[in-house]
Amino acid sequence: METTRQQKIAKQVQKDISDIFIREGADLVRGAMVSVTRVRVSPDLAVAKVYLSIFPFDKSGEILDRLNTHVSQVRKGLGERVKSQLRIVPELTFRIDDSLEYIDHIDQLLKE
């Protein structure tokens, strides 16, 4: 169970990473629409798991690899935004949130 502090930090990280993707990381996510669906922060606030929804689904592996290669750039942008709020900028790990792909698959099955 997450504490209130973890939840607040997770929401702030989610908002800031979304902003980074829109403003500074457009070249990282080019050719795809990337949404930050959820962020989970460890109890010591040192690690943040960032769940991404990527459309189109077939580009998700390519985009995830590109983001993992440039994770330090995203973390630096996050650090600039949260420097007055957090003592430690969390390490970021990006993961695919495939719930929309699953919903789309179920929808296709129901149509058939």
C-alpha atoms as a PDB file:
ATOM      1  CA  MET A   1       0.000   0.000   0.000  1.00  0.00           C
ATOM      2  CA  GLU A   2       1.347   3.367  -0.988  1.00  0.00           C
ATOM      3  CA  THR A   3       1.617   6.213   1.478  1.00  0.00           C
ATOM      4  CA  THR A   4       0.100   9.596   0.784  1.00  0.00           C
ATOM      5  CA  ARG A   5       3.568  11.006   0.111  1.00  0.00           C
ATOM      6  CA  GLN A   6       4.305   8.286  -2.449  1.00  0.00           C
ATOM      7  CA  GLN A   7       1.016   8.998  -4.198  1.00  0.00           C
ATOM      8  CA  LYS A   8       1.687  12.749  -4.331  1.00  0.00           C
ATOM      9  CA  ILE A   9       5.208  12.232  -5.665  1.00  0.00           C
ATOM     10  CA  ALA A  10       3.924   9.726  -8.230  1.00  0.00           C
ATOM     11  CA  LYS A  11       1.319  12.188  -9.520  1.00  0.00           C
ATOM     12  CA  GLN A  12       3.912  14.962  -9.754  1.00  0.00           C
ATOM     13  CA  VAL A  13       6.374  12.700 -11.592  1.00  0.00           C
ATOM     14  CA  GLN A  14       3.598  11.589 -13.967  1.00  0.00           C
ATOM     15  CA  LYS A  15       2.697  15.196 -14.761  1.00  0.00           C
ATOM     16  CA  ASP A  16       6.314  16.277 -15.213  1.00  0.00           C
ATOM     17  CA  ILE A  17       7.316  13.349 -17.441  1.00  0.00           C
ATOM     18  CA  SER A  18       4.262  13.941 -19.622  1.00  0.00           C
ATOM     19  CA  ASP A  19       5.332  17.559 -19.946  1.00  0.00           C
ATOM     20  CA  ILE A  20       8.894  16.485 -20.829  1.00  0.00           C
ATOM     21  CA  PHE A  21       7.589  14.222 -23.598  1.00  0.00           C
ATOM     22  CA  ILE A  22       5.489  17.064 -25.014  1.00  0.00           C
ATOM     23  CA  ARG A  23       8.063  19.855 -24.833  1.00  0.00           C
ATOM     24  CA  GLU A  24      11.561  18.399 -24.849  1.00  0.00           C
ATOM     25  CA  GLY A  25      11.281  14.765 -25.818  1.00  0.00           C
ATOM     26  CA  ALA A  26       9.349  15.047 -29.059  1.00  0.00           C
ATOM     27  CA  ASP A  27      12.280  13.530 -30.949  1.00  0.00           C
ATOM     28  CA  LEU A  28      12.309  10.547 -28.564  1.00  0.00           C
ATOM     29  CA  VAL A  29       8.671   9.663 -29.176  1.00  0.00           C
ATOM     30  CA  ARG A  30       8.325  10.772 -32.797  1.00  0.00           C
ATOM     31  CA  GLY A  31       5.941   8.745 -34.863  1.00  0.00           C
ATOM     32  CA  ALA A  32       3.892   7.643 -31.882  1.00  0.00           C
ATOM     33  CA  MET A  33       1.500   8.970 -29.288  1.00  0.00           C
ATOM     34  CA  VAL A  34       2.855   8.289 -25.799  1.00  0.00           C
ATOM     35  CA  SER A  35       0.797   8.702 -22.627  1.00  0.00           C
ATOM     36  CA  VAL A  36       2.060   8.262 -19.092  1.00  0.00           C
ATOM     37  CA  THR A  37      -0.708   6.164 -17.582  1.00  0.00           C
ATOM     38  CA  ARG A  38       0.681   5.455 -14.124  1.00  0.00           C
ATOM     39  CA  VAL A  39       3.756   5.971 -11.972  1.00  0.00           C
ATOM     40  CA  ARG A  40       4.696   3.806  -8.998  1.00  0.00           C
ATOM     41  CA  VAL A  41       7.277   5.186  -6.563  1.00  0.00           C
ATOM     42  CA  SER A  42       9.273   3.028  -4.154  1.00  0.00           C
ATOM     43  CA  PRO A  43       8.883   3.679  -0.394  1.00  0.00           C
ATOM     44  CA  ASP A  44      12.286   5.412  -0.234  1.00  0.00           C
ATOM     45  CA  LEU A  45      11.331   7.578  -3.266  1.00  0.00           C
ATOM     46  CA  ALA A  46      14.510   6.479  -5.078  1.00  0.00           C
ATOM     47  CA  VAL A  47      12.915   4.486  -7.921  1.00  0.00           C
ATOM     48  CA  ALA A  48       9.928   5.328 -10.092  1.00  0.00           C
ATOM     49  CA  LYS A  49       8.323   2.819 -12.459  1.00  0.00           C
ATOM     50  CA  VAL A  50       6.727   4.759 -15.296  1.00  0.00           C
ATOM     51  CA  TYR A  51       3.982   2.934 -17.221  1.00  0.00           C
ATOM     52  CA  LEU A  52       3.494   4.150 -20.782  1.00  0.00           C
ATOM     53  CA  SER A  53       0.690   3.627 -23.251  1.00  0.00           C
ATOM     54  CA  ILE A  54       2.064   3.829 -26.790  1.00  0.00           C
ATOM     55  CA  PHE A  55      -0.043   4.123 -29.927  1.00  0.00           C
ATOM     56  CA  PRO A  56       0.333   2.573 -32.497  1.00  0.00           C
ATOM     57  CA  PHE A  57       0.936  -0.641 -30.607  1.00  0.00           C
ATOM     58  CA  ASP A  58       3.392  -2.079 -33.125  1.00  0.00           C
ATOM     59  CA  LYS A  59       5.894   0.735 -32.396  1.00  0.00           C
ATOM     60  CA  SER A  60       5.865   0.217 -28.637  1.00  0.00           C
ATOM     61  CA  GLY A  61       9.047  -1.865 -28.517  1.00  0.00           C
ATOM     62  CA  GLU A  62      10.981   0.610 -30.648  1.00  0.00           C
ATOM     63  CA  ILE A  63       9.823   3.614 -28.612  1.00  0.00           C
ATOM     64  CA  LEU A  64      10.521   1.849 -25.310  1.00  0.00           C
ATOM     65  CA  ASP A  65      14.067   0.996 -26.444  1.00  0.00           C
ATOM     66  CA  ARG A  66      14.650   4.609 -27.495  1.00  0.00           C
ATOM     67  CA  LEU A  67      13.386   5.896 -24.129  1.00  0.00           C
ATOM     68  CA  ASN A  68      15.516   3.417 -22.186  1.00  0.00           C
ATOM     69  CA  THR A  69      18.552   4.569 -24.164  1.00  0.00           C
ATOM     70  CA  HIS A  70      17.856   8.231 -23.333  1.00  0.00           C
ATOM     71  CA  VAL A  71      16.564   7.757 -19.771  1.00  0.00           C
ATOM     72  CA  SER A  72      19.273  10.088 -18.425  1.00  0.00           C
ATOM     73  CA  GLN A  73      17.932  12.946 -20.579  1.00  0.00           C
ATOM     74  CA  VAL A  74      14.408  12.430 -19.225  1.00  0.00           C
ATOM     75  CA  ARG A  75      15.711  12.145 -15.654  1.00  0.00           C
ATOM     76  CA  LYS A  76      17.680  15.383 -16.041  1.00  0.00           C
ATOM     77  CA  GLY A  77      14.534  17.188 -17.225  1.00  0.00           C
ATOM     78  CA  LEU A  78      12.636  15.735 -14.281  1.00  0.00           C
ATOM     79  CA  GLY A  79      15.365  16.879 -11.900  1.00  0.00           C
ATOM     80  CA  GLU A  80      15.103  20.440 -13.163  1.00  0.00           C
ATOM     81  CA  ARG A  81      11.376  20.436 -12.455  1.00  0.00           C
ATOM     82  CA  VAL A  82      11.369  18.817  -8.997  1.00  0.00           C
ATOM     83  CA  LYS A  83      14.632  20.195  -7.580  1.00  0.00           C
ATOM     84  CA  SER A  84      12.831  22.303  -4.993  1.00  0.00           C
ATOM     85  CA  GLN A  85      10.452  19.518  -3.975  1.00  0.00           C
ATOM     86  CA  LEU A  86      12.625  16.387  -3.798  1.00  0.00           C
ATOM     87  CA  ARG A  87      16.037  15.779  -2.351  1.00  0.00           C
ATOM     88  CA  ILE A  88      16.693  12.785  -4.624  1.00  0.00           C
ATOM     89  CA  VAL A  89      15.495  12.555  -8.227  1.00  0.00           C
ATOM     90  CA  PRO A  90      14.177   9.001  -8.632  1.00  0.00           C
ATOM     91  CA  GLU A  91      15.747   6.516 -11.031  1.00  0.00           C
ATOM     92  CA  LEU A  92      13.296   5.930 -13.870  1.00  0.00           C
ATOM     93  CA  THR A  93      12.304   2.607 -15.372  1.00  0.00           C
ATOM     94  CA  PHE A  94       9.910   2.646 -18.299  1.00  0.00           C
ATOM     95  CA  ARG A  95       7.364  -0.127 -18.779  1.00  0.00           C
ATOM     96  CA  ILE A  96       4.605  -0.757 -21.298  1.00  0.00           C
ATOM     97  CA  ASP A  97       1.011  -0.457 -20.077  1.00  0.00           C
ATOM     98  CA  ASP A  98      -0.771  -2.709 -22.538  1.00  0.00           C
ATOM     99  CA  SER A  99      -4.257  -2.342 -21.079  1.00  0.00           C
ATOM    100  CA  LEU A 100      -5.478  -0.298 -24.084  1.00  0.00           C
ATOM    101  CA  GLU A 101      -4.110  -2.912 -26.471  1.00  0.00           C
ATOM    102  CA  TYR A 102      -5.913  -5.604 -24.468  1.00  0.00           C
ATOM    103  CA  ILE A 103      -9.172  -3.625 -24.571  1.00  0.00           C
ATOM    104  CA  ASP A 104      -8.799  -3.160 -28.329  1.00  0.00           C
ATOM    105  CA  HIS A 105      -8.191  -6.893 -28.759  1.00  0.00           C
ATOM    106  CA  ILE A 106     -11.284  -7.802 -26.729  1.00  0.00           C
ATOM    107  CA  ASP A 107     -13.325  -5.261 -28.699  1.00  0.00           C
ATOM    108  CA  GLN A 108     -12.202  -6.851 -31.986  1.00  0.00           C
ATOM    109  CA  LEU A 109     -13.135 -10.313 -30.695  1.00  0.00           C
ATOM    110  CA  LEU A 110     -16.594  -9.115 -29.675  1.00  0.00           C
ATOM    111  CA  LYS A 111     -17.188  -7.589 -33.104  1.00  0.00           C
ATOM    112  CA  GLU A 112     -16.479 -10.930 -34.821  1.00  0.00           C
END
